[in-house]
Amino acid sequence: MYAAVRRYEGVTDPAEAARLVNEGFVRLMREVPGFVAYYWVDAGNGVMVSTSVFQDRAGAEESISRASDFVRDNLASLLPNPPQVMAGAVVASA
């Protein structure tokens, strides 16, 4: 399995960002081949983190591309700073 993690700082309206992600982006993640799980976390203090898990690297990379497009098209005013993006093989899970 592979995971992609994106950390957003300076989120201007976490509740609205969560609503838009839940209503639009979650569906896009489920459409990516190899989808396993997706989480959008409000870490507080204007920080939100997304984690996408896929069966293979291609799915994780596709999630990064789709996230970039979705933020640009739907969340730019709420997520004004570029995210920190990390991706890699899942080496332990529970």
Protein backbone atom coordinates (compact mmCIF):
# COMPACT_ATOMS: atom_id res chain seq x y z
CA MET A 1 0.00 0.00 0.00
CA TYR A 2 0.99 3.62 -0.56
CA ALA A 3 -0.09 6.79 1.20
CA ALA A 4 -0.06 10.47 0.33
CA VAL A 5 -0.18 13.05 3.10
CA ARG A 6 -0.83 16.75 2.52
CA ARG A 7 -0.49 19.33 5.32
CA TYR A 8 -2.18 22.70 4.85
CA GLU A 9 -1.36 25.69 7.07
CA GLY A 10 -3.18 29.02 7.30
CA VAL A 11 -6.62 27.56 6.61
CA THR A 12 -9.02 30.50 6.79
CA ASP A 13 -12.27 28.59 7.45
CA PRO A 14 -11.76 24.97 8.51
CA ALA A 15 -15.50 24.21 8.72
CA GLU A 16 -16.12 25.38 5.15
CA ALA A 17 -13.02 23.57 3.88
CA ALA A 18 -14.27 20.37 5.54
CA ARG A 19 -17.71 20.79 3.98
CA LEU A 20 -16.30 21.27 0.49
CA VAL A 21 -13.89 18.36 0.83
CA ASN A 22 -16.64 16.09 2.13
CA GLU A 23 -19.13 17.10 -0.58
CA GLY A 24 -16.74 17.09 -3.54
CA PHE A 25 -13.25 15.74 -3.03
CA VAL A 26 -14.12 12.51 -1.22
CA ARG A 27 -16.00 11.28 -4.30
CA LEU A 28 -12.96 12.03 -6.48
CA MET A 29 -10.73 9.96 -4.21
CA ARG A 30 -13.10 6.99 -4.31
CA GLU A 31 -12.89 7.02 -8.12
CA VAL A 32 -9.09 6.57 -8.17
CA PRO A 33 -8.14 2.95 -8.94
CA GLY A 34 -6.76 1.16 -5.90
CA PHE A 35 -8.50 3.44 -3.39
CA VAL A 36 -8.34 2.17 0.21
CA ALA A 37 -9.10 5.14 2.49
CA TYR A 38 -9.18 8.94 2.74
CA TYR A 39 -9.10 11.16 5.83
CA TRP A 40 -9.38 14.95 6.21
CA VAL A 41 -8.26 16.07 9.67
CA ASP A 42 -8.70 19.42 11.41
CA ALA A 43 -5.52 19.63 13.51
CA GLY A 44 -6.50 23.03 14.93
CA ASN A 45 -4.86 26.44 14.71
CA GLY A 46 -5.50 26.71 10.96
CA VAL A 47 -3.84 23.39 10.13
CA MET A 48 -5.61 20.64 8.18
CA VAL A 49 -4.11 17.36 7.02
CA SER A 50 -5.32 14.90 4.42
CA THR A 51 -4.22 11.29 4.15
CA SER A 52 -5.00 9.15 1.11
CA VAL A 53 -4.24 5.43 1.08
CA PHE A 54 -4.09 3.33 -2.08
CA GLN A 55 -3.11 -0.18 -3.08
CA ASP A 56 -0.28 1.11 -5.27
CA ARG A 57 1.99 4.07 -5.94
CA ALA A 58 0.05 5.15 -9.04
CA GLY A 59 -3.08 5.71 -6.95
CA ALA A 60 -1.21 7.79 -4.38
CA GLU A 61 0.34 9.92 -7.13
CA GLU A 62 -3.07 10.37 -8.80
CA SER A 63 -4.48 11.56 -5.46
CA ILE A 64 -1.78 14.24 -5.24
CA SER A 65 -2.66 15.47 -8.72
CA ARG A 66 -6.40 15.48 -8.04
CA ALA A 67 -5.89 17.27 -4.72
CA SER A 68 -3.89 20.01 -6.40
CA ASP A 69 -6.59 20.52 -9.03
CA PHE A 70 -9.42 20.47 -6.47
CA VAL A 71 -7.71 22.99 -4.20
CA ARG A 72 -7.00 25.30 -7.15
CA ASP A 73 -10.57 25.09 -8.44
CA ASN A 74 -12.54 24.99 -5.17
CA LEU A 75 -10.50 25.86 -2.09
CA ALA A 76 -7.92 28.47 -3.09
CA SER A 77 -9.38 31.17 -0.85
CA LEU A 78 -9.62 28.79 2.13
CA LEU A 79 -6.20 27.15 1.71
CA PRO A 80 -3.98 30.11 0.76
CA ASN A 81 -0.63 28.39 1.30
CA PRO A 82 0.82 25.52 -0.72
CA PRO A 83 0.68 22.23 1.17
CA GLN A 84 3.57 20.15 2.40
CA VAL A 85 3.18 16.93 0.39
CA MET A 86 4.65 13.58 1.35
CA ALA A 87 4.08 10.17 -0.19
CA GLY A 88 5.52 6.72 0.21
CA ALA A 89 5.07 3.06 0.86
CA VAL A 90 3.07 2.06 3.93
CA VAL A 91 5.53 0.04 6.01
CA ALA A 92 3.30 -0.62 9.05
CA SER A 93 -0.44 -0.52 9.65
CA ALA A 94 -3.08 -1.62 12.12
